[in-house]
Amino acid sequence: MTNIPIKKNPRVKDLLAIMETHQLSNMGDMLDILDQVSAVEAQLKQAVGELSALRKELQESKRPLTQKALIAAQAQVLDLRNRVHKLKQAVTDGCKRAISAFGQKGLSALENVSRFFKVRPLLEGIRGQTEKCLASLEKLEACAKMENKVQKPSLRETLKQNAEKSKAMFDKAQPGTKPQEPSL
C-alpha cells in the first residue's frame, strides 16, 4: 500500500472523511502533514527518475571511480526511498490507530490527532539520509564532470529541496524541539 500516494490511501481518506464530517479544527494540521509527505514523495519520484537518466548517461563509463560513485548514489537514493516508505507506513498506521480510537472513545480521541503519528525519528532519518545522498551525488557530479558528460545534475538540487522539506516537516511535527544531528 505504500506505492500509492499518501492522500489516496484508504485509511487516510477514512480519517479525513471523519474529520471533515465532524468539522474538526485540527484537520488543517492533518492536511499539512499529508502535504509534506506528498511533497517528499514527489521529490523522491523526481530524484529516482533523474538518477535513472544519469545512470544511462554514465553506463558506458569504464572508470572505476565513476562506477563506484554511481553505485553509491543509487544505494543512497534507494535507502531514502525505503525511509519515505516507512514514513508513509507510519502515517497510514497512525490513521488506523486514530480511527480505532475514534470508534472506541468518540470525537475526543481525535482532539490531538498528531499523537497517533510516530514520525519524529523517521523525519530525522530522512533528513540525515538526504545529507548522505547529497554527498554521494557530489562525488558523482565530480565524476560526470571529468567525463564531460554532465555539467550539473539537477538531482542534487532536488535532494537539497528534499532536505529542506523534511526539515520543515520535522519542525512542523515537533515544534519547539531541536532535531538530533544524524550520527554517521
N, C-alpha and C. Protein backbone atom coordinates (compact mmCIF):
# COMPACT_ATOMS: atom_id res chain seq x y z
N MET A 1 0.81 -1.20 0.00
CA MET A 1 0.00 0.00 0.00
C MET A 1 0.85 1.26 0.00
N THR A 2 2.17 1.12 0.20
CA THR A 2 3.00 2.31 0.24
C THR A 2 3.34 2.82 -1.15
N ASN A 3 2.94 2.10 -2.20
CA ASN A 3 3.21 2.56 -3.56
C ASN A 3 2.20 3.60 -4.03
N ILE A 4 1.06 3.65 -3.38
CA ILE A 4 0.06 4.65 -3.79
C ILE A 4 0.34 5.96 -3.06
N PRO A 5 -0.02 7.07 -3.68
CA PRO A 5 0.19 8.36 -3.00
C PRO A 5 -0.53 8.38 -1.65
N ILE A 6 0.07 9.04 -0.68
CA ILE A 6 -0.44 9.03 0.69
C ILE A 6 -1.88 9.54 0.77
N LYS A 7 -2.22 10.53 -0.03
CA LYS A 7 -3.57 11.08 0.04
C LYS A 7 -4.63 10.16 -0.57
N LYS A 8 -4.20 9.13 -1.30
CA LYS A 8 -5.15 8.18 -1.87
C LYS A 8 -5.24 6.90 -1.05
N ASN A 9 -4.50 6.83 0.04
CA ASN A 9 -4.54 5.67 0.90
C ASN A 9 -5.92 5.58 1.56
N PRO A 10 -6.55 4.39 1.54
CA PRO A 10 -7.91 4.27 2.09
C PRO A 10 -8.02 4.68 3.56
N ARG A 11 -7.04 4.36 4.39
CA ARG A 11 -7.11 4.73 5.81
C ARG A 11 -7.01 6.23 5.98
N VAL A 12 -6.16 6.85 5.19
CA VAL A 12 -6.01 8.31 5.25
C VAL A 12 -7.32 8.96 4.82
N LYS A 13 -7.90 8.45 3.74
CA LYS A 13 -9.17 9.00 3.25
C LYS A 13 -10.27 8.85 4.30
N ASP A 14 -10.29 7.69 4.97
CA ASP A 14 -11.31 7.46 6.00
C ASP A 14 -11.17 8.44 7.15
N LEU A 15 -9.95 8.64 7.62
CA LEU A 15 -9.73 9.58 8.73
C LEU A 15 -10.10 11.00 8.32
N LEU A 16 -9.70 11.39 7.12
CA LEU A 16 -10.06 12.73 6.63
C LEU A 16 -11.57 12.90 6.53
N ALA A 17 -12.26 11.85 6.09
CA ALA A 17 -13.72 11.91 5.99
C ALA A 17 -14.35 12.10 7.37
N ILE A 18 -13.84 11.38 8.36
CA ILE A 18 -14.36 11.53 9.74
C ILE A 18 -14.12 12.96 10.22
N MET A 19 -12.91 13.45 10.00
CA MET A 19 -12.56 14.80 10.47
C MET A 19 -13.40 15.85 9.76
N GLU A 20 -13.64 15.66 8.48
CA GLU A 20 -14.44 16.62 7.72
C GLU A 20 -15.90 16.57 8.14
N THR A 21 -16.43 15.38 8.31
CA THR A 21 -17.83 15.22 8.72
C THR A 21 -18.10 15.93 10.05
N HIS A 22 -17.15 15.82 10.95
CA HIS A 22 -17.33 16.41 12.28
C HIS A 22 -16.69 17.79 12.40
N GLN A 23 -16.22 18.31 11.29
CA GLN A 23 -15.63 19.65 11.21
C GLN A 23 -14.63 19.91 12.33
N LEU A 24 -13.67 19.01 12.44
CA LEU A 24 -12.65 19.14 13.49
C LEU A 24 -11.68 20.26 13.12
N SER A 25 -11.35 21.07 14.11
CA SER A 25 -10.49 22.22 13.87
C SER A 25 -9.06 21.84 13.54
N ASN A 26 -8.62 20.65 13.94
CA ASN A 26 -7.25 20.25 13.66
C ASN A 26 -7.08 19.52 12.33
N MET A 27 -8.09 19.57 11.49
CA MET A 27 -7.99 18.95 10.18
C MET A 27 -6.90 19.62 9.35
N GLY A 28 -6.71 20.91 9.54
CA GLY A 28 -5.66 21.63 8.83
C GLY A 28 -4.28 21.08 9.16
N ASP A 29 -4.06 20.71 10.42
CA ASP A 29 -2.78 20.11 10.82
C ASP A 29 -2.57 18.77 10.10
N MET A 30 -3.63 17.99 10.03
CA MET A 30 -3.55 16.69 9.35
C MET A 30 -3.23 16.90 7.87
N LEU A 31 -3.89 17.86 7.25
CA LEU A 31 -3.64 18.14 5.84
C LEU A 31 -2.22 18.65 5.62
N ASP A 32 -1.70 19.42 6.56
CA ASP A 32 -0.31 19.89 6.45
C ASP A 32 0.67 18.72 6.46
N ILE A 33 0.44 17.77 7.36
CA ILE A 33 1.30 16.58 7.42
C ILE A 33 1.24 15.84 6.09
N LEU A 34 0.04 15.65 5.58
CA LEU A 34 -0.13 14.92 4.32
C LEU A 34 0.50 15.68 3.16
N ASP A 35 0.40 17.00 3.15
CA ASP A 35 1.03 17.80 2.10
C ASP A 35 2.54 17.65 2.13
N GLN A 36 3.11 17.63 3.32
CA GLN A 36 4.56 17.47 3.43
C GLN A 36 4.99 16.09 2.94
N VAL A 37 4.28 15.05 3.33
CA VAL A 37 4.61 13.70 2.88
C VAL A 37 4.45 13.61 1.36
N SER A 38 3.42 14.23 0.83
CA SER A 38 3.20 14.23 -0.62
C SER A 38 4.35 14.94 -1.34
N ALA A 39 4.83 16.04 -0.77
CA ALA A 39 5.94 16.77 -1.38
C ALA A 39 7.21 15.92 -1.39
N VAL A 40 7.46 15.21 -0.29
CA VAL A 40 8.62 14.33 -0.22
C VAL A 40 8.47 13.20 -1.24
N GLU A 41 7.26 12.66 -1.36
CA GLU A 41 7.00 11.60 -2.35
C GLU A 41 7.31 12.09 -3.77
N ALA A 42 6.84 13.28 -4.10
CA ALA A 42 7.04 13.83 -5.44
C ALA A 42 8.52 14.08 -5.71
N GLN A 43 9.22 14.59 -4.72
CA GLN A 43 10.65 14.83 -4.90
C GLN A 43 11.43 13.53 -5.05
N LEU A 44 11.05 12.53 -4.28
CA LEU A 44 11.72 11.23 -4.40
C LEU A 44 11.49 10.64 -5.78
N LYS A 45 10.26 10.75 -6.27
CA LYS A 45 9.96 10.23 -7.61
C LYS A 45 10.80 10.94 -8.67
N GLN A 46 10.93 12.25 -8.54
CA GLN A 46 11.75 13.02 -9.47
C GLN A 46 13.22 12.62 -9.34
N ALA A 47 13.69 12.43 -8.12
CA ALA A 47 15.08 12.05 -7.89
C ALA A 47 15.39 10.69 -8.51
N VAL A 48 14.48 9.74 -8.35
CA VAL A 48 14.67 8.41 -8.92
C VAL A 48 14.73 8.50 -10.44
N GLY A 49 13.86 9.29 -11.03
CA GLY A 49 13.87 9.46 -12.48
C GLY A 49 15.14 10.11 -12.98
N GLU A 50 15.59 11.13 -12.28
CA GLU A 50 16.81 11.81 -12.70
C GLU A 50 18.04 10.94 -12.49
N LEU A 51 18.07 10.17 -11.40
CA LEU A 51 19.19 9.26 -11.19
C LEU A 51 19.22 8.21 -12.29
N SER A 52 18.06 7.74 -12.68
CA SER A 52 17.99 6.76 -13.77
C SER A 52 18.55 7.33 -15.06
N ALA A 53 18.20 8.56 -15.37
CA ALA A 53 18.72 9.21 -16.58
C ALA A 53 20.23 9.39 -16.49
N LEU A 54 20.71 9.78 -15.34
CA LEU A 54 22.14 9.96 -15.15
C LEU A 54 22.86 8.63 -15.26
N ARG A 55 22.26 7.59 -14.72
CA ARG A 55 22.85 6.25 -14.82
C ARG A 55 22.98 5.82 -16.27
N LYS A 56 21.95 6.11 -17.08
CA LYS A 56 22.01 5.76 -18.50
C LYS A 56 23.14 6.50 -19.21
N GLU A 57 23.31 7.77 -18.85
CA GLU A 57 24.37 8.56 -19.46
C GLU A 57 25.75 8.04 -19.11
N LEU A 58 25.90 7.55 -17.90
CA LEU A 58 27.22 7.15 -17.43
C LEU A 58 27.47 5.64 -17.50
N GLN A 59 26.51 4.88 -18.00
CA GLN A 59 26.68 3.42 -18.03
C GLN A 59 27.82 2.96 -18.92
N GLU A 60 28.20 3.75 -19.89
CA GLU A 60 29.29 3.40 -20.79
C GLU A 60 30.66 3.63 -20.15
N SER A 61 30.68 4.31 -19.06
CA SER A 61 31.93 4.66 -18.42
C SER A 61 32.67 3.41 -17.95
N LYS A 62 33.96 3.39 -18.21
CA LYS A 62 34.80 2.29 -17.76
C LYS A 62 35.62 2.70 -16.54
N ARG A 63 35.47 3.95 -16.11
CA ARG A 63 36.25 4.45 -14.99
C ARG A 63 35.72 3.87 -13.69
N PRO A 64 36.57 3.20 -12.93
CA PRO A 64 36.12 2.60 -11.67
C PRO A 64 35.57 3.64 -10.69
N LEU A 65 36.16 4.81 -10.65
CA LEU A 65 35.69 5.85 -9.74
C LEU A 65 34.25 6.26 -10.08
N THR A 66 33.96 6.40 -11.36
CA THR A 66 32.61 6.75 -11.80
C THR A 66 31.63 5.65 -11.43
N GLN A 67 32.02 4.40 -11.66
CA GLN A 67 31.14 3.28 -11.34
C GLN A 67 30.87 3.21 -9.83
N LYS A 68 31.91 3.41 -9.03
CA LYS A 68 31.72 3.40 -7.57
C LYS A 68 30.81 4.53 -7.13
N ALA A 69 31.00 5.71 -7.69
CA ALA A 69 30.16 6.86 -7.33
C ALA A 69 28.71 6.62 -7.73
N LEU A 70 28.51 6.01 -8.88
CA LEU A 70 27.15 5.73 -9.35
C LEU A 70 26.48 4.70 -8.44
N ILE A 71 27.20 3.66 -8.09
CA ILE A 71 26.64 2.64 -7.21
C ILE A 71 26.31 3.23 -5.83
N ALA A 72 27.19 4.08 -5.33
CA ALA A 72 26.95 4.71 -4.02
C ALA A 72 25.72 5.62 -4.07
N ALA A 73 25.60 6.40 -5.14
CA ALA A 73 24.44 7.29 -5.26
C ALA A 73 23.15 6.49 -5.36
N GLN A 74 23.19 5.40 -6.12
CA GLN A 74 21.99 4.56 -6.22
C GLN A 74 21.62 3.99 -4.86
N ALA A 75 22.60 3.52 -4.12
CA ALA A 75 22.33 2.94 -2.80
C ALA A 75 21.72 3.98 -1.87
N GLN A 76 22.24 5.20 -1.92
CA GLN A 76 21.73 6.25 -1.05
C GLN A 76 20.28 6.61 -1.41
N VAL A 77 19.99 6.70 -2.70
CA VAL A 77 18.62 7.02 -3.13
C VAL A 77 17.67 5.88 -2.76
N LEU A 78 18.12 4.64 -2.90
CA LEU A 78 17.27 3.50 -2.52
C LEU A 78 16.99 3.52 -1.02
N ASP A 79 18.00 3.85 -0.22
CA ASP A 79 17.79 3.94 1.22
C ASP A 79 16.80 5.06 1.54
N LEU A 80 16.94 6.17 0.86
CA LEU A 80 16.00 7.28 1.06
C LEU A 80 14.58 6.83 0.69
N ARG A 81 14.46 6.10 -0.40
CA ARG A 81 13.14 5.58 -0.81
C ARG A 81 12.55 4.71 0.30
N ASN A 82 13.36 3.85 0.87
CA ASN A 82 12.87 2.98 1.95
C ASN A 82 12.41 3.79 3.15
N ARG A 83 13.14 4.84 3.45
CA ARG A 83 12.77 5.69 4.59
C ARG A 83 11.46 6.43 4.33
N VAL A 84 11.26 6.87 3.10
CA VAL A 84 10.00 7.54 2.76
C VAL A 84 8.84 6.54 2.84
N HIS A 85 9.08 5.30 2.40
CA HIS A 85 8.04 4.28 2.53
C HIS A 85 7.69 4.03 4.00
N LYS A 86 8.70 4.01 4.87
CA LYS A 86 8.45 3.83 6.30
C LYS A 86 7.65 5.00 6.86
N LEU A 87 7.96 6.21 6.40
CA LEU A 87 7.21 7.39 6.84
C LEU A 87 5.75 7.26 6.42
N LYS A 88 5.52 6.86 5.18
CA LYS A 88 4.15 6.70 4.71
C LYS A 88 3.43 5.62 5.51
N GLN A 89 4.13 4.55 5.83
CA GLN A 89 3.52 3.48 6.61
C GLN A 89 3.17 3.97 8.01
N ALA A 90 4.04 4.79 8.58
CA ALA A 90 3.77 5.35 9.91
C ALA A 90 2.51 6.23 9.88
N VAL A 91 2.36 7.02 8.83
CA VAL A 91 1.18 7.86 8.70
C VAL A 91 -0.07 6.99 8.53
N THR A 92 0.04 5.96 7.71
CA THR A 92 -1.09 5.05 7.50
C THR A 92 -1.46 4.35 8.80
N ASP A 93 -0.45 3.86 9.52
CA ASP A 93 -0.72 3.20 10.81
C ASP A 93 -1.32 4.18 11.82
N GLY A 94 -0.83 5.43 11.79
CA GLY A 94 -1.40 6.45 12.66
C GLY A 94 -2.86 6.70 12.37
N CYS A 95 -3.21 6.71 11.10
CA CYS A 95 -4.62 6.88 10.71
C CYS A 95 -5.45 5.71 11.23
N LYS A 96 -4.90 4.52 11.11
CA LYS A 96 -5.61 3.33 11.60
C LYS A 96 -5.85 3.43 13.11
N ARG A 97 -4.80 3.83 13.86
CA ARG A 97 -4.95 3.97 15.31
C ARG A 97 -5.96 5.07 15.66
N ALA A 98 -5.92 6.16 14.91
CA ALA A 98 -6.86 7.27 15.17
C ALA A 98 -8.29 6.85 14.91
N ILE A 99 -8.51 6.12 13.83
CA ILE A 99 -9.87 5.64 13.52
C ILE A 99 -10.35 4.68 14.59
N SER A 100 -9.47 3.81 15.03
CA SER A 100 -9.82 2.86 16.09
C SER A 100 -10.17 3.59 17.39
N ALA A 101 -9.36 4.59 17.75
CA ALA A 101 -9.63 5.37 18.96
C ALA A 101 -10.94 6.13 18.83
N PHE A 102 -11.22 6.64 17.64
CA PHE A 102 -12.48 7.34 17.40
C PHE A 102 -13.65 6.38 17.62
N GLY A 103 -13.51 5.14 17.12
CA GLY A 103 -14.57 4.14 17.30
C GLY A 103 -14.80 3.79 18.76
N GLN A 104 -13.74 3.83 19.56
CA GLN A 104 -13.85 3.45 20.98
C GLN A 104 -14.24 4.63 21.88
N LYS A 105 -13.69 5.81 21.59
CA LYS A 105 -13.86 6.93 22.51
C LYS A 105 -14.62 8.12 21.93
N GLY A 106 -14.91 8.08 20.65
CA GLY A 106 -15.64 9.18 20.04
C GLY A 106 -14.72 10.32 19.61
N LEU A 107 -15.30 11.47 19.38
CA LEU A 107 -14.58 12.64 18.85
C LEU A 107 -13.42 13.10 19.73
N SER A 108 -13.56 12.93 21.03
CA SER A 108 -12.50 13.41 21.92
C SER A 108 -11.16 12.74 21.62
N ALA A 109 -11.20 11.55 21.07
CA ALA A 109 -9.96 10.83 20.74
C ALA A 109 -9.18 11.51 19.62
N LEU A 110 -9.87 12.32 18.83
CA LEU A 110 -9.22 12.97 17.69
C LEU A 110 -8.80 14.41 17.97
N GLU A 111 -8.94 14.86 19.21
CA GLU A 111 -8.58 16.23 19.53
C GLU A 111 -7.11 16.53 19.26
N ASN A 112 -6.23 15.60 19.55
CA ASN A 112 -4.80 15.75 19.27
C ASN A 112 -4.37 14.61 18.35
N VAL A 113 -4.83 14.66 17.14
CA VAL A 113 -4.64 13.56 16.19
C VAL A 113 -3.15 13.28 15.93
N SER A 114 -2.30 14.25 16.09
CA SER A 114 -0.88 14.06 15.79
C SER A 114 -0.21 13.05 16.71
N ARG A 115 -0.79 12.77 17.88
CA ARG A 115 -0.18 11.79 18.79
C ARG A 115 -0.22 10.37 18.21
N PHE A 116 -1.05 10.15 17.21
CA PHE A 116 -1.13 8.83 16.59
C PHE A 116 -0.01 8.59 15.58
N PHE A 117 0.71 9.63 15.24
CA PHE A 117 1.75 9.52 14.23
C PHE A 117 3.12 9.55 14.89
N LYS A 118 3.83 8.45 14.79
CA LYS A 118 5.18 8.33 15.37
C LYS A 118 6.20 8.64 14.28
N VAL A 119 6.29 9.92 13.89
CA VAL A 119 7.09 10.27 12.72
C VAL A 119 8.41 10.97 13.03
N ARG A 120 8.61 11.41 14.25
CA ARG A 120 9.83 12.18 14.55
C ARG A 120 11.11 11.44 14.15
N PRO A 121 11.33 10.20 14.59
CA PRO A 121 12.58 9.52 14.21
C PRO A 121 12.68 9.31 12.70
N LEU A 122 11.55 9.10 12.07
CA LEU A 122 11.55 8.90 10.62
C LEU A 122 11.93 10.19 9.90
N LEU A 123 11.42 11.31 10.37
CA LEU A 123 11.77 12.59 9.77
C LEU A 123 13.25 12.90 9.95
N GLU A 124 13.77 12.60 11.14
CA GLU A 124 15.20 12.81 11.38
C GLU A 124 16.03 11.92 10.45
N GLY A 125 15.57 10.68 10.27
CA GLY A 125 16.28 9.76 9.38
C GLY A 125 16.26 10.22 7.93
N ILE A 126 15.13 10.74 7.50
CA ILE A 126 15.03 11.24 6.13
C ILE A 126 15.96 12.43 5.96
N ARG A 127 16.00 13.28 6.95
CA ARG A 127 16.89 14.45 6.89
C ARG A 127 18.35 14.00 6.80
N GLY A 128 18.75 13.06 7.64
CA GLY A 128 20.12 12.55 7.63
C GLY A 128 20.45 11.83 6.33
N GLN A 129 19.52 11.04 5.84
CA GLN A 129 19.75 10.30 4.60
C GLN A 129 19.85 11.24 3.41
N THR A 130 19.10 12.30 3.43
CA THR A 130 19.18 13.28 2.35
C THR A 130 20.58 13.88 2.30
N GLU A 131 21.15 14.15 3.47
CA GLU A 131 22.51 14.68 3.52
C GLU A 131 23.51 13.68 2.94
N LYS A 132 23.34 12.40 3.24
CA LYS A 132 24.21 11.36 2.69
C LYS A 132 24.06 11.28 1.17
N CYS A 133 22.83 11.41 0.70
CA CYS A 133 22.59 11.40 -0.75
C CYS A 133 23.31 12.56 -1.43
N LEU A 134 23.25 13.72 -0.80
CA LEU A 134 23.93 14.88 -1.37
C LEU A 134 25.43 14.64 -1.48
N ALA A 135 26.03 14.03 -0.47
CA ALA A 135 27.46 13.74 -0.51
C ALA A 135 27.78 12.77 -1.65
N SER A 136 26.96 11.74 -1.81
CA SER A 136 27.18 10.78 -2.90
C SER A 136 27.01 11.44 -4.26
N LEU A 137 26.03 12.32 -4.35
CA LEU A 137 25.78 12.98 -5.63
C LEU A 137 26.88 13.98 -5.97
N GLU A 138 27.48 14.58 -4.95
CA GLU A 138 28.61 15.47 -5.23
C GLU A 138 29.77 14.69 -5.84
N LYS A 139 30.01 13.49 -5.32
CA LYS A 139 31.06 12.64 -5.90
C LYS A 139 30.71 12.25 -7.33
N LEU A 140 29.44 11.90 -7.54
CA LEU A 140 29.01 11.51 -8.88
C LEU A 140 29.09 12.70 -9.83
N GLU A 141 28.74 13.87 -9.34
CA GLU A 141 28.84 15.08 -10.17
C GLU A 141 30.29 15.33 -10.58
N ALA A 142 31.22 15.16 -9.66
CA ALA A 142 32.63 15.34 -9.99
C ALA A 142 33.08 14.34 -11.04
N CYS A 143 32.63 13.10 -10.93
CA CYS A 143 32.97 12.08 -11.93
C CYS A 143 32.37 12.43 -13.29
N ALA A 144 31.14 12.89 -13.26
CA ALA A 144 30.47 13.23 -14.52
C ALA A 144 31.17 14.40 -15.20
N LYS A 145 31.63 15.36 -14.42
CA LYS A 145 32.36 16.49 -15.00
C LYS A 145 33.68 16.02 -15.61
N MET A 146 34.34 15.07 -14.97
CA MET A 146 35.59 14.53 -15.51
C MET A 146 35.34 13.86 -16.85
N GLU A 147 34.20 13.27 -17.00
CA GLU A 147 33.88 12.59 -18.26
C GLU A 147 33.21 13.52 -19.26
N ASN A 148 33.00 14.77 -18.88
CA ASN A 148 32.37 15.76 -19.74
C ASN A 148 31.00 15.32 -20.24
N LYS A 149 30.32 14.55 -19.43
CA LYS A 149 29.00 14.06 -19.83
C LYS A 149 27.90 14.99 -19.33
N VAL A 150 28.04 15.44 -18.11
CA VAL A 150 27.00 16.22 -17.46
C VAL A 150 27.66 17.38 -16.75
N GLN A 151 27.08 18.56 -16.89
CA GLN A 151 27.65 19.72 -16.24
C GLN A 151 27.18 19.86 -14.80
N LYS A 152 25.88 19.69 -14.57
CA LYS A 152 25.36 19.86 -13.22
C LYS A 152 24.04 19.09 -13.11
N PRO A 153 24.07 17.91 -12.52
CA PRO A 153 22.82 17.16 -12.42
C PRO A 153 21.81 17.86 -11.53
N SER A 154 20.57 17.88 -11.98
CA SER A 154 19.53 18.54 -11.20
C SER A 154 19.09 17.67 -10.02
N LEU A 155 19.52 16.42 -9.98
CA LEU A 155 19.19 15.54 -8.87
C LEU A 155 19.72 16.11 -7.57
N ARG A 156 20.88 16.70 -7.60
CA ARG A 156 21.49 17.29 -6.41
C ARG A 156 20.58 18.38 -5.84
N GLU A 157 20.08 19.23 -6.71
CA GLU A 157 19.18 20.30 -6.26
C GLU A 157 17.87 19.72 -5.73
N THR A 158 17.38 18.65 -6.37
CA THR A 158 16.16 18.00 -5.91
C THR A 158 16.33 17.50 -4.48
N LEU A 159 17.47 16.89 -4.21
CA LEU A 159 17.68 16.36 -2.87
C LEU A 159 17.93 17.47 -1.85
N LYS A 160 18.49 18.59 -2.28
CA LYS A 160 18.62 19.73 -1.37
C LYS A 160 17.23 20.22 -0.98
N GLN A 161 16.33 20.29 -1.96
CA GLN A 161 14.96 20.70 -1.67
C GLN A 161 14.30 19.69 -0.73
N ASN A 162 14.58 18.41 -0.96
CA ASN A 162 14.03 17.36 -0.11
C ASN A 162 14.52 17.55 1.32
N ALA A 163 15.79 17.90 1.49
CA ALA A 163 16.33 18.12 2.83
C ALA A 163 15.61 19.29 3.51
N GLU A 164 15.35 20.34 2.75
CA GLU A 164 14.65 21.49 3.30
C GLU A 164 13.21 21.12 3.67
N LYS A 165 12.55 20.35 2.81
CA LYS A 165 11.17 19.94 3.08
C LYS A 165 11.09 19.04 4.31
N SER A 166 12.05 18.07 4.43
CA SER A 166 11.97 17.18 5.58
C SER A 166 12.31 17.94 6.86
N LYS A 167 13.19 18.94 6.80
CA LYS A 167 13.46 19.76 7.98
C LYS A 167 12.20 20.54 8.36
N ALA A 168 11.53 21.10 7.36
CA ALA A 168 10.29 21.84 7.63
C ALA A 168 9.23 20.91 8.20
N MET A 169 9.15 19.69 7.66
CA MET A 169 8.18 18.73 8.15
C MET A 169 8.51 18.36 9.59
N PHE A 170 9.79 18.18 9.90
CA PHE A 170 10.19 17.86 11.26
C PHE A 170 9.80 18.99 12.20
N ASP A 171 10.13 20.22 11.79
CA ASP A 171 9.82 21.38 12.63
C ASP A 171 8.33 21.50 12.87
N LYS A 172 7.52 21.20 11.85
CA LYS A 172 6.07 21.32 11.99
C LYS A 172 5.52 20.21 12.88
N ALA A 173 6.07 18.98 12.73
CA ALA A 173 5.58 17.85 13.51
C ALA A 173 6.04 17.91 14.96
N GLN A 174 7.19 18.53 15.21
CA GLN A 174 7.74 18.57 16.55
C GLN A 174 8.14 20.00 16.90
N PRO A 175 7.20 20.93 16.99
CA PRO A 175 7.56 22.32 17.27
C PRO A 175 8.26 22.44 18.62
N GLY A 176 9.26 23.31 18.64
CA GLY A 176 9.95 23.61 19.88
C GLY A 176 11.02 22.62 20.27
N THR A 177 11.24 21.58 19.47
CA THR A 177 12.31 20.64 19.78
C THR A 177 13.41 20.77 18.75
N LYS A 178 14.60 20.51 19.17
CA LYS A 178 15.74 20.57 18.27
C LYS A 178 15.98 19.20 17.68
N PRO A 179 16.12 19.08 16.36
CA PRO A 179 16.41 17.78 15.78
C PRO A 179 17.80 17.31 16.20
N GLN A 180 17.93 16.01 16.37
CA GLN A 180 19.23 15.46 16.69
C GLN A 180 20.08 15.45 15.44
N GLU A 181 21.38 15.64 15.63
CA GLU A 181 22.28 15.58 14.49
C GLU A 181 22.41 14.11 14.09
N PRO A 182 22.35 13.83 12.78
CA PRO A 182 22.46 12.44 12.35
C PRO A 182 23.83 11.89 12.70
N SER A 183 23.85 10.68 13.22
CA SER A 183 25.13 10.05 13.55
C SER A 183 25.63 9.28 12.34
N LEU A 184 26.91 9.35 12.13
CA LEU A 184 27.50 8.65 10.99
C LEU A 184 28.16 7.38 11.41
